[in-house]
Amino acid sequence: LGGGTFDASVVALTESERSVLASEGIAT
């Protein structure tokens, strides 16, 4: 939750890689 927007993301972590699997956001 930033100053102007909200984002939620599911992220898969491996030893060398971070992959954003999916995101939801509220721009307002």
PDB file of all heavy atoms in Angstrom:
ATOM      1  N   LEU A   1       0.859  -1.185   0.000  1.00  0.00           N
ATOM      2  CA  LEU A   1       0.000   0.000   0.000  1.00  0.00           C
ATOM      3  C   LEU A   1       0.893   1.232   0.000  1.00  0.00           C
ATOM      4  O   LEU A   1       1.498   1.578   1.012  1.00  0.00           O
ATOM      5  CB  LEU A   1      -0.919   0.016   1.225  1.00  0.00           C
ATOM      6  CG  LEU A   1      -1.901   1.185   1.300  1.00  0.00           C
ATOM      7  CD1 LEU A   1      -2.926   1.114   0.167  1.00  0.00           C
ATOM      8  CD2 LEU A   1      -2.635   1.194   2.647  1.00  0.00           C
ATOM      9  N   GLY A   2       1.007   1.861  -1.160  1.00  0.00           N
ATOM     10  CA  GLY A   2       1.839   3.050  -1.283  1.00  0.00           C
ATOM     11  C   GLY A   2       1.051   4.311  -1.031  1.00  0.00           C
ATOM     12  O   GLY A   2      -0.065   4.282  -0.519  1.00  0.00           O
ATOM     13  N   GLY A   3       1.612   5.439  -1.426  1.00  0.00           N
ATOM     14  CA  GLY A   3       0.936   6.709  -1.220  1.00  0.00           C
ATOM     15  C   GLY A   3      -0.293   6.878  -2.080  1.00  0.00           C
ATOM     16  O   GLY A   3      -1.292   7.452  -1.649  1.00  0.00           O
ATOM     17  N   GLY A   4      -0.224   6.349  -3.325  1.00  0.00           N
ATOM     18  CA  GLY A   4      -1.336   6.569  -4.240  1.00  0.00           C
ATOM     19  C   GLY A   4      -1.990   5.334  -4.797  1.00  0.00           C
ATOM     20  O   GLY A   4      -3.075   5.413  -5.373  1.00  0.00           O
ATOM     21  N   THR A   5      -1.363   4.164  -4.656  1.00  0.00           N
ATOM     22  CA  THR A   5      -1.916   2.942  -5.229  1.00  0.00           C
ATOM     23  C   THR A   5      -1.747   1.767  -4.281  1.00  0.00           C
ATOM     24  O   THR A   5      -0.937   1.801  -3.350  1.00  0.00           O
ATOM     25  CB  THR A   5      -1.232   2.577  -6.562  1.00  0.00           C
ATOM     26  OG1 THR A   5       0.164   2.345  -6.317  1.00  0.00           O
ATOM     27  CG2 THR A   5      -1.401   3.688  -7.588  1.00  0.00           C
ATOM     28  N   PHE A   6      -2.524   0.713  -4.559  1.00  0.00           N
ATOM     29  CA  PHE A   6      -2.389  -0.544  -3.816  1.00  0.00           C
ATOM     30  C   PHE A   6      -2.118  -1.673  -4.791  1.00  0.00           C
ATOM     31  O   PHE A   6      -2.738  -1.752  -5.857  1.00  0.00           O
ATOM     32  CB  PHE A   6      -3.659  -0.865  -3.025  1.00  0.00           C
ATOM     33  CG  PHE A   6      -3.674  -2.271  -2.500  1.00  0.00           C
ATOM     34  CD1 PHE A   6      -2.870  -2.619  -1.434  1.00  0.00           C
ATOM     35  CD2 PHE A   6      -4.449  -3.246  -3.104  1.00  0.00           C
ATOM     36  CE1 PHE A   6      -2.832  -3.930  -0.967  1.00  0.00           C
ATOM     37  CE2 PHE A   6      -4.430  -4.557  -2.647  1.00  0.00           C
ATOM     38  CZ  PHE A   6      -3.626  -4.901  -1.566  1.00  0.00           C
ATOM     39  N   ASP A   7      -1.189  -2.557  -4.430  1.00  0.00           N
ATOM     40  CA  ASP A   7      -0.879  -3.726  -5.244  1.00  0.00           C
ATOM     41  C   ASP A   7      -0.658  -4.929  -4.344  1.00  0.00           C
ATOM     42  O   ASP A   7      -0.047  -4.817  -3.279  1.00  0.00           O
ATOM     43  CB  ASP A   7       0.388  -3.495  -6.080  1.00  0.00           C
ATOM     44  CG  ASP A   7       0.215  -2.379  -7.087  1.00  0.00           C
ATOM     45  OD1 ASP A   7      -0.439  -2.622  -8.118  1.00  0.00           O
ATOM     46  OD2 ASP A   7       0.709  -1.268  -6.827  1.00  0.00           O
ATOM     47  N   ALA A   8      -1.138  -6.082  -4.799  1.00  0.00           N
ATOM     48  CA  ALA A   8      -0.851  -7.356  -4.147  1.00  0.00           C
ATOM     49  C   ALA A   8      -0.336  -8.305  -5.213  1.00  0.00           C
ATOM     50  O   ALA A   8      -0.898  -8.378  -6.302  1.00  0.00           O
ATOM     51  CB  ALA A   8      -2.108  -7.923  -3.491  1.00  0.00           C
ATOM     52  N   SER A   9       0.748  -9.010  -4.901  1.00  0.00           N
ATOM     53  CA  SER A   9       1.365  -9.902  -5.887  1.00  0.00           C
ATOM     54  C   SER A   9       1.766 -11.220  -5.247  1.00  0.00           C
ATOM     55  O   SER A   9       2.286 -11.242  -4.125  1.00  0.00           O
ATOM     56  CB  SER A   9       2.609  -9.259  -6.507  1.00  0.00           C
ATOM     57  OG  SER A   9       2.289  -8.052  -7.162  1.00  0.00           O
ATOM     58  N   VAL A  10       1.515 -12.312  -5.950  1.00  0.00           N
ATOM     59  CA  VAL A  10       2.027 -13.618  -5.551  1.00  0.00           C
ATOM     60  C   VAL A  10       3.354 -13.813  -6.284  1.00  0.00           C
ATOM     61  O   VAL A  10       3.413 -13.706  -7.515  1.00  0.00           O
ATOM     62  CB  VAL A  10       1.048 -14.746  -5.922  1.00  0.00           C
ATOM     63  CG1 VAL A  10       1.675 -16.110  -5.622  1.00  0.00           C
ATOM     64  CG2 VAL A  10      -0.258 -14.585  -5.160  1.00  0.00           C
ATOM     65  N   VAL A  11       4.409 -14.062  -5.510  1.00  0.00           N
ATOM     66  CA  VAL A  11       5.752 -14.163  -6.088  1.00  0.00           C
ATOM     67  C   VAL A  11       6.381 -15.491  -5.697  1.00  0.00           C
ATOM     68  O   VAL A  11       6.394 -15.864  -4.523  1.00  0.00           O
ATOM     69  CB  VAL A  11       6.652 -13.001  -5.593  1.00  0.00           C
ATOM     70  CG1 VAL A  11       8.008 -13.058  -6.283  1.00  0.00           C
ATOM     71  CG2 VAL A  11       5.981 -11.658  -5.835  1.00  0.00           C
ATOM     72  N   ALA A  12       6.886 -16.207  -6.696  1.00  0.00           N
ATOM     73  CA  ALA A  12       7.609 -17.459  -6.459  1.00  0.00           C
ATOM     74  C   ALA A  12       9.095 -17.152  -6.344  1.00  0.00           C
ATOM     75  O   ALA A  12       9.658 -16.431  -7.173  1.00  0.00           O
ATOM     76  CB  ALA A  12       7.354 -18.442  -7.599  1.00  0.00           C
ATOM     77  N   LEU A  13       9.720 -17.677  -5.308  1.00  0.00           N
ATOM     78  CA  LEU A  13      11.140 -17.445  -5.065  1.00  0.00           C
ATOM     79  C   LEU A  13      11.921 -18.738  -5.252  1.00  0.00           C
ATOM     80  O   LEU A  13      11.550 -19.783  -4.723  1.00  0.00           O
ATOM     81  CB  LEU A  13      11.362 -16.938  -3.628  1.00  0.00           C
ATOM     82  CG  LEU A  13      10.487 -15.788  -3.119  1.00  0.00           C
ATOM     83  CD1 LEU A  13      10.821 -15.494  -1.663  1.00  0.00           C
ATOM     84  CD2 LEU A  13      10.699 -14.553  -3.962  1.00  0.00           C
ATOM     85  N   THR A  14      12.991 -18.668  -6.001  1.00  0.00           N
ATOM     86  CA  THR A  14      13.951 -19.766  -6.056  1.00  0.00           C
ATOM     87  C   THR A  14      15.304 -19.197  -5.661  1.00  0.00           C
ATOM     88  O   THR A  14      15.418 -18.008  -5.328  1.00  0.00           O
ATOM     89  CB  THR A  14      14.031 -20.391  -7.470  1.00  0.00           C
ATOM     90  OG1 THR A  14      14.602 -19.431  -8.366  1.00  0.00           O
ATOM     91  CG2 THR A  14      12.659 -20.812  -7.964  1.00  0.00           C
ATOM     92  N   GLU A  15      16.319 -20.001  -5.714  1.00  0.00           N
ATOM     93  CA  GLU A  15      17.643 -19.535  -5.276  1.00  0.00           C
ATOM     94  C   GLU A  15      18.131 -18.346  -6.079  1.00  0.00           C
ATOM     95  O   GLU A  15      18.820 -17.477  -5.554  1.00  0.00           O
ATOM     96  CB  GLU A  15      18.638 -20.688  -5.360  1.00  0.00           C
ATOM     97  CG  GLU A  15      19.992 -20.345  -4.751  1.00  0.00           C
ATOM     98  CD  GLU A  15      20.889 -21.552  -4.644  1.00  0.00           C
ATOM     99  OE1 GLU A  15      20.397 -22.683  -4.843  1.00  0.00           O
ATOM    100  OE2 GLU A  15      22.079 -21.365  -4.359  1.00  0.00           O
ATOM    101  N   SER A  16      17.765 -18.278  -7.359  1.00  0.00           N
ATOM    102  CA  SER A  16      18.292 -17.204  -8.205  1.00  0.00           C
ATOM    103  C   SER A  16      17.226 -16.431  -8.971  1.00  0.00           C
ATOM    104  O   SER A  16      17.559 -15.525  -9.717  1.00  0.00           O
ATOM    105  CB  SER A  16      19.293 -17.782  -9.218  1.00  0.00           C
ATOM    106  OG  SER A  16      18.647 -18.710 -10.073  1.00  0.00           O
ATOM    107  N   GLU A  17      15.960 -16.785  -8.778  1.00  0.00           N
ATOM    108  CA  GLU A  17      14.921 -16.155  -9.579  1.00  0.00           C
ATOM    109  C   GLU A  17      13.712 -15.789  -8.732  1.00  0.00           C
ATOM    110  O   GLU A  17      13.311 -16.531  -7.848  1.00  0.00           O
ATOM    111  CB  GLU A  17      14.490 -17.105 -10.712  1.00  0.00           C
ATOM    112  CG  GLU A  17      13.511 -16.489 -11.696  1.00  0.00           C
ATOM    113  CD  GLU A  17      13.244 -17.429 -12.862  1.00  0.00           C
ATOM    114  OE1 GLU A  17      14.107 -17.516 -13.758  1.00  0.00           O
ATOM    115  OE2 GLU A  17      12.190 -18.081 -12.862  1.00  0.00           O
ATOM    116  N   ARG A  18      13.133 -14.604  -9.012  1.00  0.00           N
ATOM    117  CA  ARG A  18      11.896 -14.156  -8.387  1.00  0.00           C
ATOM    118  C   ARG A  18      10.886 -13.951  -9.506  1.00  0.00           C
ATOM    119  O   ARG A  18      11.090 -13.100 -10.386  1.00  0.00           O
ATOM    120  CB  ARG A  18      12.103 -12.841  -7.639  1.00  0.00           C
ATOM    121  CG  ARG A  18      12.662 -13.004  -6.212  1.00  0.00           C
ATOM    122  CD  ARG A  18      14.073 -13.512  -6.174  1.00  0.00           C
ATOM    123  NE  ARG A  18      14.596 -13.538  -4.821  1.00  0.00           N
ATOM    124  CZ  ARG A  18      15.068 -14.611  -4.221  1.00  0.00           C
ATOM    125  NH1 ARG A  18      15.061 -15.776  -4.844  1.00  0.00           N
ATOM    126  NH2 ARG A  18      15.555 -14.554  -2.996  1.00  0.00           N
ATOM    127  N   SER A  19       9.793 -14.720  -9.508  1.00  0.00           N
ATOM    128  CA  SER A  19       8.805 -14.649 -10.581  1.00  0.00           C
ATOM    129  C   SER A  19       7.461 -14.175 -10.044  1.00  0.00           C
ATOM    130  O   SER A  19       6.913 -14.779  -9.117  1.00  0.00           O
ATOM    131  CB  SER A  19       8.624 -16.023 -11.237  1.00  0.00           C
ATOM    132  OG  SER A  19       9.824 -16.477 -11.807  1.00  0.00           O
ATOM    133  N   VAL A  20       6.959 -13.087 -10.618  1.00  0.00           N
ATOM    134  CA  VAL A  20       5.632 -12.595 -10.250  1.00  0.00           C
ATOM    135  C   VAL A  20       4.605 -13.468 -10.962  1.00  0.00           C
ATOM    136  O   VAL A  20       4.486 -13.424 -12.185  1.00  0.00           O
ATOM    137  CB  VAL A  20       5.459 -11.114 -10.648  1.00  0.00           C
ATOM    138  CG1 VAL A  20       4.061 -10.635 -10.268  1.00  0.00           C
ATOM    139  CG2 VAL A  20       6.520 -10.256  -9.972  1.00  0.00           C
ATOM    140  N   LEU A  21       3.869 -14.263 -10.209  1.00  0.00           N
ATOM    141  CA  LEU A  21       2.905 -15.186 -10.790  1.00  0.00           C
ATOM    142  C   LEU A  21       1.587 -14.506 -11.128  1.00  0.00           C
ATOM    143  O   LEU A  21       0.953 -14.819 -12.136  1.00  0.00           O
ATOM    144  CB  LEU A  21       2.651 -16.357  -9.831  1.00  0.00           C
ATOM    145  CG  LEU A  21       3.881 -17.161  -9.414  1.00  0.00           C
ATOM    146  CD1 LEU A  21       3.492 -18.260  -8.445  1.00  0.00           C
ATOM    147  CD2 LEU A  21       4.574 -17.757 -10.639  1.00  0.00           C
ATOM    148  N   ALA A  22       1.164 -13.583 -10.279  1.00  0.00           N
ATOM    149  CA  ALA A  22      -0.103 -12.885 -10.510  1.00  0.00           C
ATOM    150  C   ALA A  22      -0.160 -11.646  -9.628  1.00  0.00           C
ATOM    151  O   ALA A  22       0.484 -11.588  -8.574  1.00  0.00           O
ATOM    152  CB  ALA A  22      -1.287 -13.794 -10.207  1.00  0.00           C
ATOM    153  N   SER A  23      -0.917 -10.658 -10.063  1.00  0.00           N
ATOM    154  CA  SER A  23      -1.060  -9.411  -9.309  1.00  0.00           C
ATOM    155  C   SER A  23      -2.494  -8.916  -9.353  1.00  0.00           C
ATOM    156  O   SER A  23      -3.235  -9.178 -10.307  1.00  0.00           O
ATOM    157  CB  SER A  23      -0.143  -8.315  -9.872  1.00  0.00           C
ATOM    158  OG  SER A  23       1.217  -8.650  -9.710  1.00  0.00           O
ATOM    159  N   GLU A  24      -2.876  -8.219  -8.312  1.00  0.00           N
ATOM    160  CA  GLU A  24      -4.141  -7.485  -8.260  1.00  0.00           C
ATOM    161  C   GLU A  24      -3.803  -6.070  -7.814  1.00  0.00           C
ATOM    162  O   GLU A  24      -2.872  -5.871  -7.041  1.00  0.00           O
ATOM    163  CB  GLU A  24      -5.125  -8.116  -7.271  1.00  0.00           C
ATOM    164  CG  GLU A  24      -5.714  -9.433  -7.713  1.00  0.00           C
ATOM    165  CD  GLU A  24      -6.760  -9.285  -8.802  1.00  0.00           C
ATOM    166  OE1 GLU A  24      -7.216  -8.140  -9.033  1.00  0.00           O
ATOM    167  OE2 GLU A  24      -7.115 -10.303  -9.420  1.00  0.00           O
ATOM    168  N   GLY A  25      -4.524  -5.101  -8.281  1.00  0.00           N
ATOM    169  CA  GLY A  25      -4.226  -3.728  -7.881  1.00  0.00           C
ATOM    170  C   GLY A  25      -5.451  -2.848  -7.840  1.00  0.00           C
ATOM    171  O   GLY A  25      -6.470  -3.151  -8.460  1.00  0.00           O
ATOM    172  N   ILE A  26      -5.347  -1.778  -7.070  1.00  0.00           N
ATOM    173  CA  ILE A  26      -6.377  -0.738  -7.023  1.00  0.00           C
ATOM    174  C   ILE A  26      -5.657   0.580  -7.284  1.00  0.00           C
ATOM    175  O   ILE A  26      -4.960   1.104  -6.404  1.00  0.00           O
ATOM    176  CB  ILE A  26      -7.103  -0.701  -5.668  1.00  0.00           C
ATOM    177  CG1 ILE A  26      -7.677  -2.083  -5.325  1.00  0.00           C
ATOM    178  CG2 ILE A  26      -8.225   0.343  -5.692  1.00  0.00           C
ATOM    179  CD1 ILE A  26      -8.304  -2.164  -3.953  1.00  0.00           C
ATOM    180  N   ALA A  27      -5.798   1.087  -8.487  1.00  0.00           N
ATOM    181  CA  ALA A  27      -5.016   2.245  -8.910  1.00  0.00           C
ATOM    182  C   ALA A  27      -5.441   3.535  -8.222  1.00  0.00           C
ATOM    183  O   ALA A  27      -4.709   4.522  -8.245  1.00  0.00           O
ATOM    184  CB  ALA A  27      -5.116   2.410 -10.421  1.00  0.00           C
ATOM    185  N   THR A  28      -6.618   3.551  -7.627  1.00  0.00           N
ATOM    186  CA  THR A  28      -7.141   4.786  -7.028  1.00  0.00           C
ATOM    187  C   THR A  28      -7.155   4.733  -5.506  1.00  0.00           C
ATOM    188  O   THR A  28      -7.796   5.575  -4.864  1.00  0.00           O
ATOM    189  CB  THR A  28      -8.571   5.060  -7.534  1.00  0.00           C
ATOM    190  OG1 THR A  28      -9.402   3.926  -7.226  1.00  0.00           O
ATOM    191  CG2 THR A  28      -8.567   5.294  -9.032  1.00  0.00           C
TER     192      THR A  28
END
